[in-house]
């Protein structure tokens, strides 16, 4: 069990990968909220649109997986590598819980120039949480229940 449970959440884990293996890399994500939707942008350089899967699990968990395919190398090629820092292939994923106001039935996605854009509209019918109400209430003494606000003490009532 982690001493820091916040960082064991998939949202805070290694972005789109499995650690420091050659099949993983740090793929950036931006998340912007507008009054109408949540907008997510994922950098997927070298990944074809057909090799990206976008799914929703457990009502609100967005799961993105992608596969970058290896270049076709044959043993008859007349070259040798001197440096190879860009990994040609690998399987990547990322998942995280969407906000409660996400309208998952209307998610849209597009991909252009190696950037996946996921638009998650907000459900306008879900009620926004009200701020807690703070109210001071007077306490009446014994025999003083005539409805007046006379009393000797006060307490604060918080309504969640």
C-alpha atoms as a PDB file:
ATOM      1  CA  UNK A   1       0.000   0.000   0.000  1.00  0.00           C
ATOM      2  CA  UNK A   2       1.307   3.419  -0.923  1.00  0.00           C
ATOM      3  CA  UNK A   3       2.147   5.991   1.707  1.00  0.00           C
ATOM      4  CA  UNK A   4       0.806   8.564  -0.757  1.00  0.00           C
ATOM      5  CA  UNK A   5      -2.554   7.163  -1.969  1.00  0.00           C
ATOM      6  CA  UNK A   6      -3.186  10.237  -4.150  1.00  0.00           C
ATOM      7  CA  UNK A   7      -0.283   9.273  -6.389  1.00  0.00           C
ATOM      8  CA  UNK A   8      -1.477   5.694  -6.801  1.00  0.00           C
ATOM      9  CA  UNK A   9      -4.466   7.008  -8.769  1.00  0.00           C
ATOM     10  CA  UNK A  10      -4.146   6.194 -12.505  1.00  0.00           C
ATOM     11  CA  UNK A  11      -4.599   9.896 -13.268  1.00  0.00           C
ATOM     12  CA  UNK A  12      -1.316  10.678 -11.498  1.00  0.00           C
ATOM     13  CA  UNK A  13       0.606   7.658 -12.792  1.00  0.00           C
ATOM     14  CA  UNK A  14       3.076   7.498 -15.646  1.00  0.00           C
ATOM     15  CA  UNK A  15       1.263   9.162 -18.543  1.00  0.00           C
ATOM     16  CA  UNK A  16       0.172   6.728 -21.230  1.00  0.00           C
ATOM     17  CA  UNK A  17       2.654   4.044 -20.353  1.00  0.00           C
ATOM     18  CA  UNK A  18       3.902   1.271 -18.175  1.00  0.00           C
ATOM     19  CA  UNK A  19       7.022   2.815 -16.643  1.00  0.00           C
ATOM     20  CA  UNK A  20      10.462   3.287 -18.111  1.00  0.00           C
ATOM     21  CA  UNK A  21      10.363   0.427 -20.612  1.00  0.00           C
ATOM     22  CA  UNK A  22      11.045   1.115 -24.284  1.00  0.00           C
ATOM     23  CA  UNK A  23       7.343   0.694 -25.064  1.00  0.00           C
ATOM     24  CA  UNK A  24       6.351   3.667 -22.939  1.00  0.00           C
ATOM     25  CA  UNK A  25       6.905   7.355 -23.256  1.00  0.00           C
ATOM     26  CA  UNK A  26       5.623  10.494 -21.662  1.00  0.00           C
ATOM     27  CA  UNK A  27       2.660  11.599 -23.709  1.00  0.00           C
ATOM     28  CA  UNK A  28       1.228  14.912 -22.668  1.00  0.00           C
ATOM     29  CA  UNK A  29      -2.392  15.670 -21.891  1.00  0.00           C
ATOM     30  CA  UNK A  30      -4.157  19.002 -21.565  1.00  0.00           C
ATOM     31  CA  UNK A  31      -7.573  19.310 -19.875  1.00  0.00           C
ATOM     32  CA  UNK A  32      -9.566  22.481 -20.335  1.00  0.00           C
ATOM     33  CA  UNK A  33     -13.051  23.105 -18.957  1.00  0.00           C
ATOM     34  CA  UNK A  34     -15.467  25.460 -20.679  1.00  0.00           C
ATOM     35  CA  UNK A  35     -19.026  26.300 -19.599  1.00  0.00           C
ATOM     36  CA  UNK A  36     -20.312  23.686 -22.077  1.00  0.00           C
ATOM     37  CA  UNK A  37     -17.719  20.873 -22.044  1.00  0.00           C
ATOM     38  CA  UNK A  38     -14.473  19.328 -20.856  1.00  0.00           C
ATOM     39  CA  UNK A  39     -11.806  19.307 -23.596  1.00  0.00           C
ATOM     40  CA  UNK A  40      -8.911  16.845 -23.476  1.00  0.00           C
ATOM     41  CA  UNK A  41      -5.928  16.893 -25.841  1.00  0.00           C
ATOM     42  CA  UNK A  42      -3.457  14.009 -26.035  1.00  0.00           C
ATOM     43  CA  UNK A  43      -0.198  14.043 -27.980  1.00  0.00           C
ATOM     44  CA  UNK A  44       0.144  10.801 -29.940  1.00  0.00           C
ATOM     45  CA  UNK A  45       2.931  11.424 -32.452  1.00  0.00           C
ATOM     46  CA  UNK A  46       3.390   8.661 -34.985  1.00  0.00           C
ATOM     47  CA  UNK A  47       0.142   6.900 -34.056  1.00  0.00           C
ATOM     48  CA  UNK A  48      -2.491   6.353 -36.742  1.00  0.00           C
ATOM     49  CA  UNK A  49      -6.120   7.139 -35.933  1.00  0.00           C
ATOM     50  CA  UNK A  50      -7.001   3.495 -36.606  1.00  0.00           C
ATOM     51  CA  UNK A  51      -4.623   2.394 -33.835  1.00  0.00           C
ATOM     52  CA  UNK A  52      -6.328   4.450 -31.103  1.00  0.00           C
ATOM     53  CA  UNK A  53      -9.207   3.102 -29.002  1.00  0.00           C
ATOM     54  CA  UNK A  54     -11.372   5.323 -26.825  1.00  0.00           C
ATOM     55  CA  UNK A  55     -13.751   3.684 -24.323  1.00  0.00           C
ATOM     56  CA  UNK A  56     -15.797   4.568 -21.250  1.00  0.00           C
ATOM     57  CA  UNK A  57     -15.911   2.040 -18.390  1.00  0.00           C
ATOM     58  CA  UNK A  58     -17.948   2.075 -15.167  1.00  0.00           C
ATOM     59  CA  UNK A  59     -20.069   5.037 -16.334  1.00  0.00           C
ATOM     60  CA  UNK A  60     -17.315   7.667 -16.048  1.00  0.00           C
ATOM     61  CA  UNK A  61     -13.836   6.145 -16.504  1.00  0.00           C
ATOM     62  CA  UNK A  62     -12.291   7.312 -19.782  1.00  0.00           C
ATOM     63  CA  UNK A  63      -9.841   4.727 -21.152  1.00  0.00           C
ATOM     64  CA  UNK A  64      -7.569   5.550 -24.078  1.00  0.00           C
ATOM     65  CA  UNK A  65      -5.258   2.962 -25.594  1.00  0.00           C
ATOM     66  CA  UNK A  66      -2.972   3.321 -28.588  1.00  0.00           C
ATOM     67  CA  UNK A  67      -0.462   1.253 -30.483  1.00  0.00           C
ATOM     68  CA  UNK A  68       2.477   2.673 -32.359  1.00  0.00           C
ATOM     69  CA  UNK A  69       3.525   0.125 -34.965  1.00  0.00           C
ATOM     70  CA  UNK A  70       7.146  -0.715 -35.699  1.00  0.00           C
ATOM     71  CA  UNK A  71       8.756   0.280 -38.982  1.00  0.00           C
ATOM     72  CA  UNK A  72       9.072  -2.608 -41.389  1.00  0.00           C
ATOM     73  CA  UNK A  73      12.703  -3.756 -41.090  1.00  0.00           C
ATOM     74  CA  UNK A  74      13.942  -6.712 -43.044  1.00  0.00           C
ATOM     75  CA  UNK A  75      17.186  -8.497 -42.387  1.00  0.00           C
ATOM     76  CA  UNK A  76      18.264  -7.794 -45.955  1.00  0.00           C
ATOM     77  CA  UNK A  77      18.368  -4.035 -45.328  1.00  0.00           C
ATOM     78  CA  UNK A  78      21.857  -2.721 -45.978  1.00  0.00           C
ATOM     79  CA  UNK A  79      22.249  -0.410 -42.970  1.00  0.00           C
ATOM     80  CA  UNK A  80      23.043  -0.476 -39.286  1.00  0.00           C
ATOM     81  CA  UNK A  81      21.773   1.720 -36.478  1.00  0.00           C
ATOM     82  CA  UNK A  82      24.228   4.067 -34.739  1.00  0.00           C
ATOM     83  CA  UNK A  83      21.655   5.744 -32.523  1.00  0.00           C
ATOM     84  CA  UNK A  84      17.999   4.926 -32.016  1.00  0.00           C
ATOM     85  CA  UNK A  85      16.304   7.158 -29.441  1.00  0.00           C
ATOM     86  CA  UNK A  86      12.839   7.306 -30.978  1.00  0.00           C
ATOM     87  CA  UNK A  87      10.927   4.151 -30.262  1.00  0.00           C
ATOM     88  CA  UNK A  88       8.983   2.980 -33.257  1.00  0.00           C
ATOM     89  CA  UNK A  89       6.525   0.720 -31.516  1.00  0.00           C
ATOM     90  CA  UNK A  90       4.699   0.322 -28.269  1.00  0.00           C
ATOM     91  CA  UNK A  91       1.344  -0.035 -26.587  1.00  0.00           C
ATOM     92  CA  UNK A  92       0.167   2.862 -24.485  1.00  0.00           C
ATOM     93  CA  UNK A  93      -2.844   3.608 -22.319  1.00  0.00           C
ATOM     94  CA  UNK A  94      -4.241   6.153 -19.956  1.00  0.00           C
ATOM     95  CA  UNK A  95      -7.432   6.166 -17.925  1.00  0.00           C
ATOM     96  CA  UNK A  96      -9.040   8.456 -15.406  1.00  0.00           C
ATOM     97  CA  UNK A  97     -12.437   9.256 -13.931  1.00  0.00           C
ATOM     98  CA  UNK A  98     -14.433  11.970 -15.650  1.00  0.00           C
ATOM     99  CA  UNK A  99     -16.194  14.639 -13.565  1.00  0.00           C
ATOM    100  CA  UNK A 100     -19.712  13.952 -12.296  1.00  0.00           C
ATOM    101  CA  UNK A 101     -21.231  16.414 -14.755  1.00  0.00           C
ATOM    102  CA  UNK A 102     -19.773  14.605 -17.800  1.00  0.00           C
ATOM    103  CA  UNK A 103     -22.390  13.643 -20.390  1.00  0.00           C
ATOM    104  CA  UNK A 104     -20.699  10.419 -21.505  1.00  0.00           C
ATOM    105  CA  UNK A 105     -23.356   9.529 -24.104  1.00  0.00           C
ATOM    106  CA  UNK A 106     -22.290  12.529 -26.201  1.00  0.00           C
ATOM    107  CA  UNK A 107     -18.480  12.179 -26.170  1.00  0.00           C
ATOM    108  CA  UNK A 108     -16.835  13.135 -29.457  1.00  0.00           C
ATOM    109  CA  UNK A 109     -13.243  12.621 -30.583  1.00  0.00           C
ATOM    110  CA  UNK A 110     -11.098  13.717 -33.507  1.00  0.00           C
ATOM    111  CA  UNK A 111      -7.467  13.257 -34.426  1.00  0.00           C
ATOM    112  CA  UNK A 112      -5.249  15.438 -36.563  1.00  0.00           C
ATOM    113  CA  UNK A 113      -1.466  15.805 -36.834  1.00  0.00           C
ATOM    114  CA  UNK A 114      -0.850  13.347 -33.983  1.00  0.00           C
ATOM    115  CA  UNK A 115      -3.161  15.132 -31.528  1.00  0.00           C
ATOM    116  CA  UNK A 116      -6.262  13.369 -30.199  1.00  0.00           C
ATOM    117  CA  UNK A 117      -8.978  15.810 -29.101  1.00  0.00           C
ATOM    118  CA  UNK A 118     -11.755  14.410 -26.889  1.00  0.00           C
ATOM    119  CA  UNK A 119     -14.778  16.611 -26.181  1.00  0.00           C
ATOM    120  CA  UNK A 120     -16.956  15.597 -23.239  1.00  0.00           C
ATOM    121  CA  UNK A 121     -20.081  17.778 -23.006  1.00  0.00           C
ATOM    122  CA  UNK A 122     -21.390  18.726 -19.602  1.00  0.00           C
ATOM    123  CA  UNK A 123     -24.767  17.373 -18.528  1.00  0.00           C
ATOM    124  CA  UNK A 124     -26.701  20.596 -18.052  1.00  0.00           C
ATOM    125  CA  UNK A 125     -29.555  18.757 -16.271  1.00  0.00           C
ATOM    126  CA  UNK A 126     -27.459  17.631 -13.328  1.00  0.00           C
ATOM    127  CA  UNK A 127     -27.908  20.001 -10.448  1.00  0.00           C
ATOM    128  CA  UNK A 128     -24.902  21.935  -9.348  1.00  0.00           C
ATOM    129  CA  UNK A 129     -23.948  21.409  -5.745  1.00  0.00           C
ATOM    130  CA  UNK A 130     -25.132  24.243  -3.583  1.00  0.00           C
ATOM    131  CA  UNK A 131     -22.704  25.930  -1.279  1.00  0.00           C
ATOM    132  CA  UNK A 132     -23.254  25.041   2.368  1.00  0.00           C
ATOM    133  CA  UNK A 133     -25.667  27.405   4.075  1.00  0.00           C
ATOM    134  CA  UNK A 134     -24.411  29.141   7.237  1.00  0.00           C
ATOM    135  CA  UNK A 135     -27.015  30.409   9.632  1.00  0.00           C
ATOM    136  CA  UNK A 136     -26.880  31.638  13.214  1.00  0.00           C
ATOM    137  CA  UNK A 137     -29.743  30.371  15.390  1.00  0.00           C
ATOM    138  CA  UNK A 138     -30.759  31.929  18.711  1.00  0.00           C
ATOM    139  CA  UNK A 139     -31.415  29.577  21.623  1.00  0.00           C
ATOM    140  CA  UNK A 140     -34.293  30.466  23.919  1.00  0.00           C
ATOM    141  CA  UNK A 141     -34.067  29.897  27.675  1.00  0.00           C
ATOM    142  CA  UNK A 142     -36.471  27.681  29.651  1.00  0.00           C
ATOM    143  CA  UNK A 143     -40.048  28.845  29.420  1.00  0.00           C
ATOM    144  CA  UNK A 144     -39.213  31.281  26.624  1.00  0.00           C
ATOM    145  CA  UNK A 145     -40.883  29.554  23.705  1.00  0.00           C
ATOM    146  CA  UNK A 146     -43.049  32.466  22.627  1.00  0.00           C
ATOM    147  CA  UNK A 147     -41.277  32.584  19.267  1.00  0.00           C
ATOM    148  CA  UNK A 148     -39.101  35.561  20.085  1.00  0.00           C
ATOM    149  CA  UNK A 149     -35.387  35.337  19.433  1.00  0.00           C
ATOM    150  CA  UNK A 150     -34.390  35.946  23.037  1.00  0.00           C
ATOM    151  CA  UNK A 151     -31.909  33.561  24.529  1.00  0.00           C
ATOM    152  CA  UNK A 152     -28.581  33.127  26.147  1.00  0.00           C
ATOM    153  CA  UNK A 153     -26.617  31.233  23.505  1.00  0.00           C
ATOM    154  CA  UNK A 154     -25.956  30.844  19.794  1.00  0.00           C
ATOM    155  CA  UNK A 155     -24.786  28.068  17.573  1.00  0.00           C
ATOM    156  CA  UNK A 156     -24.046  27.905  13.878  1.00  0.00           C
ATOM    157  CA  UNK A 157     -25.931  25.424  11.729  1.00  0.00           C
ATOM    158  CA  UNK A 158     -24.271  24.084   8.572  1.00  0.00           C
ATOM    159  CA  UNK A 159     -26.502  22.545   5.965  1.00  0.00           C
ATOM    160  CA  UNK A 160     -24.655  20.410   3.432  1.00  0.00           C
END
